[in-house]
């Protein structure tokens, strides 16, 4: 595939990021094991402390569900790396680690890995939307919809649905069946059903130990908060004003990866708890890089730091961006689309 590299200094300096970033792909078994331990142990400890506090009538213990949700997000980041085969050198070790983590995150590993692979292969391609991404219409497509279709899309993109009801539906309901891959063979079904059965065992044990209501008072806030954070991160990584979308004839993997994914420049504590997933443009350039090596890429290639960079404050403005304007080549709000019309 012939690719043009005229858009950005970072691209002009290196015509082949895939080859350049190959040196960062080697994972460390010791480091990966350490990252699992420093994430799983605090999560389990926080969950247990919150449950004990609630059992003894100390409702302030529910405050512990907030950091616990953060560590659950980090567990998902580890599962995410397993799906790319980057946490360990051996595929089998990645897969079984990811499946175990999927019980904690309520995410069927093999099913999710398959849809996420589609996302990486098609991100920014207007002709291949619909699997593993946030549903995004062009201005022209939106205007062509009947009023009911427009109302449905506006409801879908409303912040309460996108970051409230949507995450709850995704992790509690949608991931219980292989929605989107219902006819893709046995693997998605085996993944979801096996994960569902595996979830039942620890849930039943926890309910037996602490009781139904204490379990729900601890687990539900952790799950919903972590789900919302996860959806927010995924949203901001691709739904920012200067992102990139193009049709099949113009689309190229490298350009879409570099300019269709953001560098969500978070403060260090937030970057750590989210597994450096904010360095998303580098992740899309080379998904085989372990999450703990992504900062090395920015250190060694400073030109990448400002490509698609958005700060925590700037990211709040991304909520209103809901339609791709093919003429302006950027995401716009409903108000902007209406004014342009």
Protein backbone atom coordinates (compact mmCIF):
# COMPACT_ATOMS: atom_id res chain seq x y z
CA UNK A 1 0.00 0.00 0.00
CA UNK A 2 1.37 3.40 -0.95
CA UNK A 3 0.99 5.99 1.81
CA UNK A 4 1.42 9.75 1.71
CA UNK A 5 3.33 11.35 4.57
CA UNK A 6 2.83 15.03 3.94
CA UNK A 7 0.50 15.84 6.80
CA UNK A 8 2.72 16.17 9.83
CA UNK A 9 6.40 16.66 10.82
CA UNK A 10 6.35 13.40 12.76
CA UNK A 11 5.32 11.52 9.63
CA UNK A 12 7.86 13.30 7.39
CA UNK A 13 10.70 12.38 9.72
CA UNK A 14 9.76 8.70 9.74
CA UNK A 15 8.00 7.18 6.71
CA UNK A 16 7.52 3.82 8.43
CA UNK A 17 6.49 3.97 12.07
CA UNK A 18 5.83 0.24 12.09
CA UNK A 19 9.51 -0.54 11.52
CA UNK A 20 10.72 2.27 13.77
CA UNK A 21 8.61 1.18 16.74
CA UNK A 22 9.44 -2.52 16.43
CA UNK A 23 12.20 -2.17 19.05
CA UNK A 24 9.61 -1.39 21.76
CA UNK A 25 7.49 -4.50 21.25
CA UNK A 26 9.40 -6.88 23.49
CA UNK A 27 7.51 -7.50 26.75
CA UNK A 28 9.14 -8.35 30.09
CA UNK A 29 7.59 -11.30 31.92
CA UNK A 30 8.84 -9.96 35.27
CA UNK A 31 7.50 -6.46 34.61
CA UNK A 32 4.15 -7.73 33.34
CA UNK A 33 3.72 -10.02 36.35
CA UNK A 34 4.58 -7.11 38.63
CA UNK A 35 1.97 -4.91 36.92
CA UNK A 36 -0.69 -7.58 37.43
CA UNK A 37 0.15 -7.92 41.13
CA UNK A 38 0.22 -4.17 41.88
CA UNK A 39 -3.20 -3.89 40.22
CA UNK A 40 -5.07 -7.01 41.33
CA UNK A 41 -3.92 -7.03 44.98
CA UNK A 42 -4.98 -3.42 45.74
CA UNK A 43 -8.28 -3.99 43.93
CA UNK A 44 -9.11 -7.07 46.00
CA UNK A 45 -7.96 -5.34 49.21
CA UNK A 46 -10.07 -2.24 48.55
CA UNK A 47 -13.10 -4.37 47.69
CA UNK A 48 -12.71 -6.36 50.91
CA UNK A 49 -12.21 -3.26 53.08
CA UNK A 50 -15.28 -1.62 51.58
CA UNK A 51 -17.36 -4.76 52.20
CA UNK A 52 -16.16 -5.06 55.82
CA UNK A 53 -16.92 -1.38 56.44
CA UNK A 54 -20.45 -1.72 55.04
CA UNK A 55 -21.05 -4.90 57.04
CA UNK A 56 -20.17 -3.04 60.22
CA UNK A 57 -22.39 -0.07 59.41
CA UNK A 58 -19.60 2.29 58.32
CA UNK A 59 -21.10 3.69 55.15
CA UNK A 60 -18.07 5.88 54.62
CA UNK A 61 -16.46 2.65 53.46
CA UNK A 62 -18.28 3.15 50.19
CA UNK A 63 -15.72 5.88 49.44
CA UNK A 64 -13.28 3.03 48.88
CA UNK A 65 -15.30 1.98 45.84
CA UNK A 66 -13.87 5.01 43.99
CA UNK A 67 -10.20 3.93 44.04
CA UNK A 68 -11.35 0.32 43.61
CA UNK A 69 -13.05 1.37 40.35
CA UNK A 70 -9.78 2.94 39.24
CA UNK A 71 -7.93 -0.32 39.80
CA UNK A 72 -10.68 -2.18 37.93
CA UNK A 73 -10.05 0.14 34.97
CA UNK A 74 -6.38 -0.80 35.19
CA UNK A 75 -7.28 -4.50 35.21
CA UNK A 76 -9.17 -3.85 31.98
CA UNK A 77 -6.06 -2.15 30.56
CA UNK A 78 -4.09 -5.30 31.37
CA UNK A 79 -6.76 -7.44 29.71
CA UNK A 80 -6.59 -5.09 26.73
CA UNK A 81 -2.85 -5.73 26.38
CA UNK A 82 -3.45 -9.48 26.59
CA UNK A 83 -5.85 -9.13 23.67
CA UNK A 84 -3.05 -7.59 21.60
CA UNK A 85 -0.63 -10.31 22.71
CA UNK A 86 1.67 -7.77 24.37
CA UNK A 87 1.64 -8.54 28.08
CA UNK A 88 3.61 -11.77 27.66
CA UNK A 89 5.65 -13.26 24.84
CA UNK A 90 3.57 -16.46 24.77
CA UNK A 91 0.13 -16.21 23.19
CA UNK A 92 -1.38 -18.87 25.45
CA UNK A 93 -0.26 -17.02 28.57
CA UNK A 94 -1.77 -13.79 27.23
CA UNK A 95 -5.05 -15.49 26.39
CA UNK A 96 -5.57 -17.25 29.70
CA UNK A 97 -4.52 -14.20 31.68
CA UNK A 98 -7.00 -12.16 29.65
CA UNK A 99 -9.78 -14.69 30.26
CA UNK A 100 -9.21 -14.61 34.03
CA UNK A 101 -9.13 -10.81 34.05
CA UNK A 102 -12.35 -10.86 32.02
CA UNK A 103 -14.14 -12.36 35.03
CA UNK A 104 -13.18 -9.27 37.08
CA UNK A 105 -14.04 -6.80 34.29
CA UNK A 106 -17.24 -8.65 33.22
CA UNK A 107 -15.83 -8.72 29.69
CA UNK A 108 -15.70 -11.95 27.64
CA UNK A 109 -12.09 -11.91 26.50
CA UNK A 110 -12.17 -13.76 23.16
CA UNK A 111 -15.34 -12.01 22.01
CA UNK A 112 -13.97 -8.59 22.96
CA UNK A 113 -10.56 -9.31 21.42
CA UNK A 114 -12.22 -10.10 18.10
CA UNK A 115 -14.30 -6.90 17.94
CA UNK A 116 -11.35 -4.83 19.14
CA UNK A 117 -9.18 -6.23 16.37
CA UNK A 118 -11.78 -5.02 13.88
CA UNK A 119 -11.65 -1.59 15.51
CA UNK A 120 -7.87 -1.39 15.07
CA UNK A 121 -8.06 -2.52 11.46
CA UNK A 122 -10.78 -0.03 10.48
CA UNK A 123 -10.47 2.98 12.83
CA UNK A 124 -11.11 6.19 10.90
CA UNK A 125 -12.52 4.37 7.85
CA UNK A 126 -15.92 5.84 6.94
CA UNK A 127 -16.79 2.76 4.89
CA UNK A 128 -16.12 0.26 7.69
CA UNK A 129 -17.89 1.64 10.73
CA UNK A 130 -20.06 -0.32 13.13
CA UNK A 131 -17.94 -2.84 15.06
CA UNK A 132 -15.92 -1.91 18.14
CA UNK A 133 -16.40 1.83 17.79
CA UNK A 134 -18.64 4.70 18.85
CA UNK A 135 -21.38 5.06 16.25
CA UNK A 136 -20.57 8.26 14.34
CA UNK A 137 -22.60 9.68 11.45
CA UNK A 138 -21.50 12.22 8.90
CA UNK A 139 -23.42 15.48 8.61
CA UNK A 140 -24.81 14.32 5.27
CA UNK A 141 -25.98 11.00 6.71
CA UNK A 142 -27.62 12.71 9.66
CA UNK A 143 -29.50 15.16 7.46
CA UNK A 144 -30.77 12.29 5.29
CA UNK A 145 -32.39 10.55 8.26
CA UNK A 146 -36.12 10.85 8.99
CA UNK A 147 -36.99 12.74 12.17
CA UNK A 148 -37.22 9.52 14.17
CA UNK A 149 -33.75 8.45 13.07
CA UNK A 150 -32.35 11.86 14.02
CA UNK A 151 -34.05 11.68 17.41
CA UNK A 152 -32.62 8.19 17.99
CA UNK A 153 -29.09 9.33 17.11
CA UNK A 154 -29.36 12.45 19.28
CA UNK A 155 -30.51 10.27 22.18
CA UNK A 156 -27.63 7.85 21.60
CA UNK A 157 -25.10 10.70 21.62
CA UNK A 158 -26.58 12.44 24.68
CA UNK A 159 -24.03 12.52 27.55
CA UNK A 160 -26.43 10.81 29.98
CA UNK A 161 -26.81 7.89 27.59
CA UNK A 162 -23.24 7.83 26.30
CA UNK A 163 -21.54 7.99 29.70
CA UNK A 164 -24.29 6.84 32.05
CA UNK A 165 -26.81 4.35 30.69
CA UNK A 166 -24.56 3.21 27.86
CA UNK A 167 -21.64 1.89 29.96
CA UNK A 168 -24.06 0.09 32.29
CA UNK A 169 -25.80 -1.55 29.33
CA UNK A 170 -22.49 -2.47 27.68
CA UNK A 171 -20.85 -4.23 30.63
CA UNK A 172 -23.91 -5.61 32.41
CA UNK A 173 -26.07 -6.64 29.43
CA UNK A 174 -24.42 -6.46 26.02
CA UNK A 175 -21.35 -8.44 27.06
CA UNK A 176 -23.57 -11.28 28.28
CA UNK A 177 -24.29 -12.23 24.65
CA UNK A 178 -21.99 -11.92 21.59
CA UNK A 179 -23.97 -9.02 20.14
CA UNK A 180 -22.51 -8.04 16.79
CA UNK A 181 -20.99 -11.49 16.25
CA UNK A 182 -24.06 -13.67 16.69
CA UNK A 183 -23.37 -15.46 13.37
CA UNK A 184 -19.58 -15.50 13.57
CA UNK A 185 -19.24 -19.10 14.66
CA UNK A 186 -18.91 -20.78 18.03
CA UNK A 187 -16.01 -18.84 19.54
CA UNK A 188 -17.92 -15.65 20.50
CA UNK A 189 -20.64 -17.80 22.09
CA UNK A 190 -18.15 -19.97 23.98
CA UNK A 191 -16.32 -16.85 25.20
CA UNK A 192 -19.41 -15.08 26.50
CA UNK A 193 -21.11 -18.12 28.03
CA UNK A 194 -17.89 -19.35 29.67
CA UNK A 195 -17.24 -15.88 31.10
CA UNK A 196 -20.81 -15.67 32.40
CA UNK A 197 -20.45 -19.03 34.15
CA UNK A 198 -17.06 -18.06 35.57
CA UNK A 199 -18.53 -14.81 36.94
CA UNK A 200 -21.27 -16.72 38.79
CA UNK A 201 -18.79 -18.57 41.02
CA UNK A 202 -17.03 -15.59 42.69
CA UNK A 203 -20.29 -13.63 42.84
CA UNK A 204 -22.01 -16.50 44.64
CA UNK A 205 -19.04 -16.83 47.02
CA UNK A 206 -19.04 -13.12 47.84
CA UNK A 207 -22.79 -13.07 48.43
CA UNK A 208 -22.44 -16.08 50.72
CA UNK A 209 -19.66 -14.34 52.68
CA UNK A 210 -21.05 -10.81 53.03
CA UNK A 211 -24.72 -11.06 52.03
CA UNK A 212 -26.62 -9.84 48.98
CA UNK A 213 -27.10 -6.17 49.86
CA UNK A 214 -23.53 -5.50 51.08
CA UNK A 215 -22.28 -7.20 47.91
CA UNK A 216 -24.47 -5.03 45.68
CA UNK A 217 -23.61 -1.86 47.61
CA UNK A 218 -19.93 -2.45 46.94
CA UNK A 219 -19.89 -4.14 43.53
CA UNK A 220 -22.45 -2.03 41.67
CA UNK A 221 -20.75 1.37 42.26
CA UNK A 222 -17.36 -0.11 41.36
CA UNK A 223 -18.69 -1.65 38.15
CA UNK A 224 -20.67 1.38 37.01
CA UNK A 225 -17.93 3.89 37.79
CA UNK A 226 -15.26 1.79 36.10
CA UNK A 227 -17.52 1.24 33.08
CA UNK A 228 -18.13 4.97 32.74
CA UNK A 229 -14.41 5.74 32.98
CA UNK A 230 -13.64 3.08 30.39
CA UNK A 231 -16.22 4.36 27.91
CA UNK A 232 -15.05 7.94 28.48
CA UNK A 233 -11.44 6.98 27.71
CA UNK A 234 -12.44 5.14 24.55
CA UNK A 235 -14.61 8.07 23.49
CA UNK A 236 -11.93 10.73 23.95
CA UNK A 237 -9.33 8.60 22.19
CA UNK A 238 -11.18 8.96 18.88
CA UNK A 239 -13.92 11.58 19.30
CA UNK A 240 -11.91 14.79 19.32
CA UNK A 241 -12.21 17.76 16.98
CA UNK A 242 -9.13 17.21 14.82
CA UNK A 243 -9.51 13.45 14.51
CA UNK A 244 -9.32 11.74 11.13
CA UNK A 245 -11.97 10.00 9.07
CA UNK A 246 -11.82 9.18 5.37
CA UNK A 247 -13.34 6.88 2.79
CA UNK A 248 -11.85 3.55 1.73
CA UNK A 249 -10.04 5.01 -1.30
CA UNK A 250 -8.24 7.68 0.73
CA UNK A 251 -7.86 5.81 4.03
CA UNK A 252 -4.45 4.48 5.10
CA UNK A 253 -3.70 2.59 8.29
CA UNK A 254 -0.73 4.68 9.43
CA UNK A 255 -2.29 8.07 8.80
CA UNK A 256 -5.56 7.03 10.46
CA UNK A 257 -3.67 5.61 13.45
CA UNK A 258 -1.53 8.71 13.94
CA UNK A 259 -4.21 11.33 13.34
CA UNK A 260 -7.42 9.47 14.16
CA UNK A 261 -6.31 8.64 17.71
CA UNK A 262 -5.56 11.18 20.41
CA UNK A 263 -2.68 11.68 22.80
CA UNK A 264 -4.75 12.13 25.93
CA UNK A 265 -2.10 13.83 28.05
CA UNK A 266 -3.20 12.92 31.58
CA UNK A 267 -1.47 13.74 34.88
CA UNK A 268 0.84 10.91 35.98
CA UNK A 269 -1.51 9.30 38.58
CA UNK A 270 -4.33 9.11 36.02
CA UNK A 271 -1.97 7.91 33.30
CA UNK A 272 -0.77 5.12 35.62
CA UNK A 273 -4.23 3.97 36.72
CA UNK A 274 -5.40 3.90 33.08
CA UNK A 275 -2.39 1.93 31.86
CA UNK A 276 -1.01 4.75 29.65
CA UNK A 277 -3.89 4.18 27.26
CA UNK A 278 -3.99 7.94 26.69
CA UNK A 279 -0.92 7.51 24.46
CA UNK A 280 -3.41 6.13 22.03
CA UNK A 281 -1.96 7.33 18.75
CA UNK A 282 1.23 5.37 19.45
CA UNK A 283 -0.85 2.38 20.51
CA UNK A 284 -2.69 2.42 17.19
CA UNK A 285 0.56 2.84 15.27
CA UNK A 286 1.93 -0.29 16.92
CA UNK A 287 -0.53 -2.24 19.05
CA UNK A 288 2.20 -4.77 19.95
CA UNK A 289 3.93 -2.33 22.31
CA UNK A 290 3.28 -3.21 26.00
CA UNK A 291 1.46 -0.41 27.81
CA UNK A 292 4.38 0.22 30.17
CA UNK A 293 6.70 0.91 27.23
CA UNK A 294 4.50 3.53 25.54
CA UNK A 295 6.10 6.42 27.52
CA UNK A 296 9.49 5.28 26.15
CA UNK A 297 8.24 6.03 22.64
CA UNK A 298 7.30 9.60 23.56
CA UNK A 299 10.65 10.03 25.32
CA UNK A 300 12.62 8.86 22.30
CA UNK A 301 10.38 10.52 19.68
CA UNK A 302 9.33 13.90 21.12
CA UNK A 303 7.64 14.89 17.84
CA UNK A 304 4.84 12.49 18.75
CA UNK A 305 4.00 14.30 21.99
CA UNK A 306 2.00 17.05 20.29
CA UNK A 307 0.30 14.94 17.63
CA UNK A 308 -3.41 14.80 18.53
CA UNK A 309 -2.64 16.05 22.04
CA UNK A 310 -5.56 16.98 24.27
CA UNK A 311 -5.47 17.76 27.97
CA UNK A 312 -7.92 16.70 30.66
CA UNK A 313 -9.65 20.09 30.54
CA UNK A 314 -9.76 20.18 26.75
CA UNK A 315 -11.27 16.71 26.63
CA UNK A 316 -14.46 17.96 28.29
CA UNK A 317 -15.23 19.92 25.13
CA UNK A 318 -15.26 16.70 23.09
CA UNK A 319 -18.68 15.72 24.46
CA UNK A 320 -20.48 18.07 22.08
CA UNK A 321 -18.70 16.71 18.98
CA UNK A 322 -21.14 14.27 17.41
CA UNK A 323 -21.02 14.47 13.59
CA UNK A 324 -18.23 14.20 11.04
CA UNK A 325 -18.24 17.15 8.64
CA UNK A 326 -16.77 15.79 5.40
CA UNK A 327 -16.28 19.29 4.00
CA UNK A 328 -14.53 20.76 7.06
CA UNK A 329 -12.89 17.39 7.79
CA UNK A 330 -13.50 17.58 11.52
CA UNK A 331 -16.06 16.59 14.11
CA UNK A 332 -18.77 19.16 14.79
CA UNK A 333 -21.67 19.64 17.16
CA UNK A 334 -25.35 19.47 16.25
CA UNK A 335 -25.47 23.26 16.54
CA UNK A 336 -22.54 23.72 14.16
CA UNK A 337 -24.10 21.33 11.67
CA UNK A 338 -27.41 23.18 11.86
CA UNK A 339 -25.69 26.56 11.40
CA UNK A 340 -23.78 25.27 8.37
CA UNK A 341 -27.01 24.07 6.80
